[in-house]
């Protein structure tokens, strides 16, 4: 076998392995998506990053293995590797790994849920106690507000009564002075008439 044909065979094998590696890496993305679901924007971004990296890997292989020349049998080798990996191992690997990781996360979640039971119990009791204290404080505030309103109303009435009494005293003093002045002027008139 000539060394050129052997070199082309090695290049074809590397292309095949590169197709398997590219599909395996994409399966890692699929596993990540099943473990942590996310929206279309992040999915598109992940796909963009994946294909940029896959393209860089393909060009790297072509540059170093074949001096940058494009060969169709390298594309066929990569496509064959992708196809065979996809049909044989891909679905089983993705289902097995994502299912195992999801079950492990669920188990850890259950364990943490059980371990956090005392904390959740104390939290509920504190919420009930805080609610009672808040209701009691609101009731006390309503009572205090009524008492203050009652006292202010009483003080307002007392102040109004005192002001009214002062006004009445002033008016009675004024009336007394007016009556005294009338009496005095009446006496002066009588004296004046008596003198004349």
Protein backbone atom coordinates (compact mmCIF):
# COMPACT_ATOMS: atom_id res chain seq x y z
CA UNK A 1 0.00 0.00 0.00
CA UNK A 2 1.39 3.35 -0.96
CA UNK A 3 1.99 6.02 1.69
CA UNK A 4 -0.33 8.47 -0.14
CA UNK A 5 -3.28 6.08 0.10
CA UNK A 6 -2.43 5.32 3.75
CA UNK A 7 -2.31 9.09 4.45
CA UNK A 8 -5.69 9.54 2.77
CA UNK A 9 -7.07 6.65 4.86
CA UNK A 10 -5.83 8.28 8.07
CA UNK A 11 -7.35 11.60 6.92
CA UNK A 12 -10.68 9.82 6.25
CA UNK A 13 -10.53 8.20 9.72
CA UNK A 14 -9.84 11.58 11.32
CA UNK A 15 -12.79 13.06 9.42
CA UNK A 16 -14.99 10.21 10.64
CA UNK A 17 -13.83 10.76 14.25
CA UNK A 18 -14.34 14.51 13.92
CA UNK A 19 -17.97 13.87 12.85
CA UNK A 20 -18.46 11.64 15.91
CA UNK A 21 -16.90 14.25 18.22
CA UNK A 22 -19.02 17.08 16.77
CA UNK A 23 -22.22 15.05 17.27
CA UNK A 24 -21.15 14.04 20.79
CA UNK A 25 -20.59 17.69 21.72
CA UNK A 26 -24.01 18.57 20.32
CA UNK A 27 -25.46 15.76 22.47
CA UNK A 28 -23.86 17.45 25.49
CA UNK A 29 -25.78 20.60 24.53
CA UNK A 30 -28.97 18.53 24.26
CA UNK A 31 -28.37 16.99 27.71
CA UNK A 32 -27.82 20.47 29.16
CA UNK A 33 -31.09 21.65 27.57
CA UNK A 34 -33.01 18.74 29.10
CA UNK A 35 -31.57 19.37 32.53
CA UNK A 36 -32.04 23.15 32.47
CA UNK A 37 -34.87 24.12 30.09
CA UNK A 38 -34.60 27.62 28.63
CA UNK A 39 -36.12 29.82 25.95
CA UNK A 40 -35.61 30.16 22.22
CA UNK A 41 -33.08 32.99 22.49
CA UNK A 42 -30.60 30.98 24.56
CA UNK A 43 -31.21 27.91 22.38
CA UNK A 44 -30.34 29.94 19.28
CA UNK A 45 -27.28 31.39 20.98
CA UNK A 46 -26.08 27.92 22.01
CA UNK A 47 -26.59 26.63 18.47
CA UNK A 48 -24.65 29.57 17.06
CA UNK A 49 -21.74 28.96 19.45
CA UNK A 50 -21.81 25.24 18.66
CA UNK A 51 -21.69 25.68 14.90
CA UNK A 52 -18.95 28.31 15.08
CA UNK A 53 -16.86 25.91 17.19
CA UNK A 54 -17.68 22.97 14.87
CA UNK A 55 -16.65 25.03 11.83
CA UNK A 56 -13.40 26.02 13.55
CA UNK A 57 -12.70 22.36 14.33
CA UNK A 58 -13.31 21.31 10.73
CA UNK A 59 -11.07 24.05 9.32
CA UNK A 60 -8.39 23.20 11.89
CA UNK A 61 -8.44 19.56 10.76
CA UNK A 62 -8.37 20.51 7.07
CA UNK A 63 -5.49 22.94 7.62
CA UNK A 64 -3.25 20.58 9.55
CA UNK A 65 -4.19 17.26 7.92
CA UNK A 66 -4.51 18.33 4.29
CA UNK A 67 -2.63 21.65 4.03
CA UNK A 68 -5.91 23.58 3.90
CA UNK A 69 -7.24 21.84 0.81
CA UNK A 70 -10.89 20.90 0.79
CA UNK A 71 -11.62 17.26 -0.04
CA UNK A 72 -15.09 15.85 -0.54
CA UNK A 73 -14.23 12.55 1.05
CA UNK A 74 -13.42 14.44 4.31
CA UNK A 75 -16.98 15.82 4.28
CA UNK A 76 -18.31 12.34 3.50
CA UNK A 77 -16.20 10.88 6.36
CA UNK A 78 -17.47 13.52 8.84
CA UNK A 79 -21.05 13.03 7.66
CA UNK A 80 -20.73 9.25 8.00
CA UNK A 81 -19.35 9.61 11.53
CA UNK A 82 -22.19 11.94 12.49
CA UNK A 83 -24.82 9.67 10.96
CA UNK A 84 -23.54 6.44 12.54
CA UNK A 85 -23.12 8.03 15.98
CA UNK A 86 -26.57 9.61 15.76
CA UNK A 87 -28.23 6.30 14.82
CA UNK A 88 -26.40 4.15 17.37
CA UNK A 89 -25.38 5.93 20.58
CA UNK A 90 -26.85 9.44 20.54
CA UNK A 91 -30.43 8.87 21.72
CA UNK A 92 -29.45 6.31 24.37
CA UNK A 93 -26.68 8.55 25.73
CA UNK A 94 -28.87 11.66 25.88
CA UNK A 95 -31.79 9.83 27.52
CA UNK A 96 -29.58 7.97 29.98
CA UNK A 97 -27.46 10.92 31.11
CA UNK A 98 -30.25 13.51 31.22
CA UNK A 99 -32.59 11.06 32.98
CA UNK A 100 -29.92 10.13 35.54
CA UNK A 101 -29.02 13.76 36.23
CA UNK A 102 -32.70 14.79 36.50
CA UNK A 103 -33.38 11.91 38.92
CA UNK A 104 -30.30 12.83 40.93
CA UNK A 105 -31.45 16.46 41.10
CA UNK A 106 -34.94 15.31 42.15
CA UNK A 107 -33.42 13.06 44.85
CA UNK A 108 -31.24 15.90 46.15
CA UNK A 109 -34.31 18.14 46.13
CA UNK A 110 -36.29 15.61 48.20
CA UNK A 111 -33.43 15.22 50.66
CA UNK A 112 -33.09 18.99 51.01
CA UNK A 113 -36.89 19.25 51.40
CA UNK A 114 -36.79 16.72 54.24
CA UNK A 115 -33.79 18.36 55.86
CA UNK A 116 -35.39 21.79 55.67
CA UNK A 117 -38.60 20.59 57.39
CA UNK A 118 -37.64 22.06 60.81
CA UNK A 119 -36.72 25.37 59.20
CA UNK A 120 -39.98 25.44 57.26
CA UNK A 121 -41.90 24.56 60.46
CA UNK A 122 -40.21 27.41 62.35
CA UNK A 123 -40.86 29.75 59.42
CA UNK A 124 -44.58 28.92 59.44
CA UNK A 125 -44.76 29.40 63.22
CA UNK A 126 -42.94 32.73 62.93
CA UNK A 127 -45.35 33.85 60.20
CA UNK A 128 -48.35 32.90 62.38
CA UNK A 129 -46.82 34.66 65.38
CA UNK A 130 -45.97 37.73 63.32
CA UNK A 131 -49.52 37.77 61.95
CA UNK A 132 -50.96 37.61 65.46
CA UNK A 133 -48.63 40.36 66.64
CA UNK A 134 -49.55 42.50 63.64
CA UNK A 135 -53.28 42.00 64.27
CA UNK A 136 -52.83 42.77 67.97
CA UNK A 137 -50.78 45.86 67.14
CA UNK A 138 -53.44 47.00 64.66
CA UNK A 139 -56.17 46.48 67.25
CA UNK A 140 -54.15 48.40 69.85
CA UNK A 141 -53.53 51.17 67.33
CA UNK A 142 -57.27 51.43 66.62
CA UNK A 143 -58.01 51.59 70.36
CA UNK A 144 -55.31 54.22 70.92
CA UNK A 145 -56.58 56.22 67.94
CA UNK A 146 -60.10 56.15 69.35
CA UNK A 147 -58.83 57.17 72.79
CA UNK A 148 -56.78 60.00 71.34
CA UNK A 149 -59.71 61.09 69.19
CA UNK A 150 -62.01 60.98 72.23
CA UNK A 151 -59.53 63.01 74.30
CA UNK A 152 -59.00 65.52 71.52
CA UNK A 153 -62.76 65.83 71.10
CA UNK A 154 -63.16 66.29 74.86
CA UNK A 155 -60.39 68.89 74.94
CA UNK A 156 -61.94 70.63 71.96
CA UNK A 157 -65.27 70.76 73.78
CA UNK A 158 -63.61 72.06 76.96
CA UNK A 159 -61.75 74.72 75.00
CA UNK A 160 -64.96 75.74 73.20
CA UNK A 161 -66.83 75.89 76.51
CA UNK A 162 -64.11 78.02 78.11
CA UNK A 163 -64.03 80.31 75.10
CA UNK A 164 -67.82 80.58 75.22
CA UNK A 165 -67.68 81.36 78.98
CA UNK A 166 -65.04 84.03 78.37
CA UNK A 167 -67.15 85.48 75.58
CA UNK A 168 -70.19 85.42 77.83
CA UNK A 169 -68.21 87.07 80.66
CA UNK A 170 -66.95 89.74 78.29
CA UNK A 171 -70.45 90.30 76.96
CA UNK A 172 -71.90 90.42 80.47
CA UNK A 173 -69.14 92.84 81.56
CA UNK A 174 -69.81 94.96 78.51
CA UNK A 175 -73.54 94.88 79.22
CA UNK A 176 -72.93 95.71 82.89
CA UNK A 177 -70.71 98.63 81.87
CA UNK A 178 -73.32 99.78 79.37
CA UNK A 179 -76.05 99.50 81.99
CA UNK A 180 -73.89 101.28 84.53
CA UNK A 181 -73.11 103.97 81.98
CA UNK A 182 -76.84 104.31 81.20
CA UNK A 183 -77.66 104.54 84.89
CA UNK A 184 -74.94 107.09 85.41
CA UNK A 185 -76.00 109.12 82.43
CA UNK A 186 -79.63 108.81 83.57
CA UNK A 187 -78.69 110.11 87.05
CA UNK A 188 -76.73 112.99 85.50
CA UNK A 189 -79.74 113.89 83.39
CA UNK A 190 -82.00 113.82 86.39
CA UNK A 191 -79.63 115.97 88.37
CA UNK A 192 -79.38 118.37 85.51
CA UNK A 193 -83.16 118.57 85.32
CA UNK A 194 -83.43 118.88 89.05
CA UNK A 195 -80.91 121.69 89.15
CA UNK A 196 -82.64 123.59 86.46
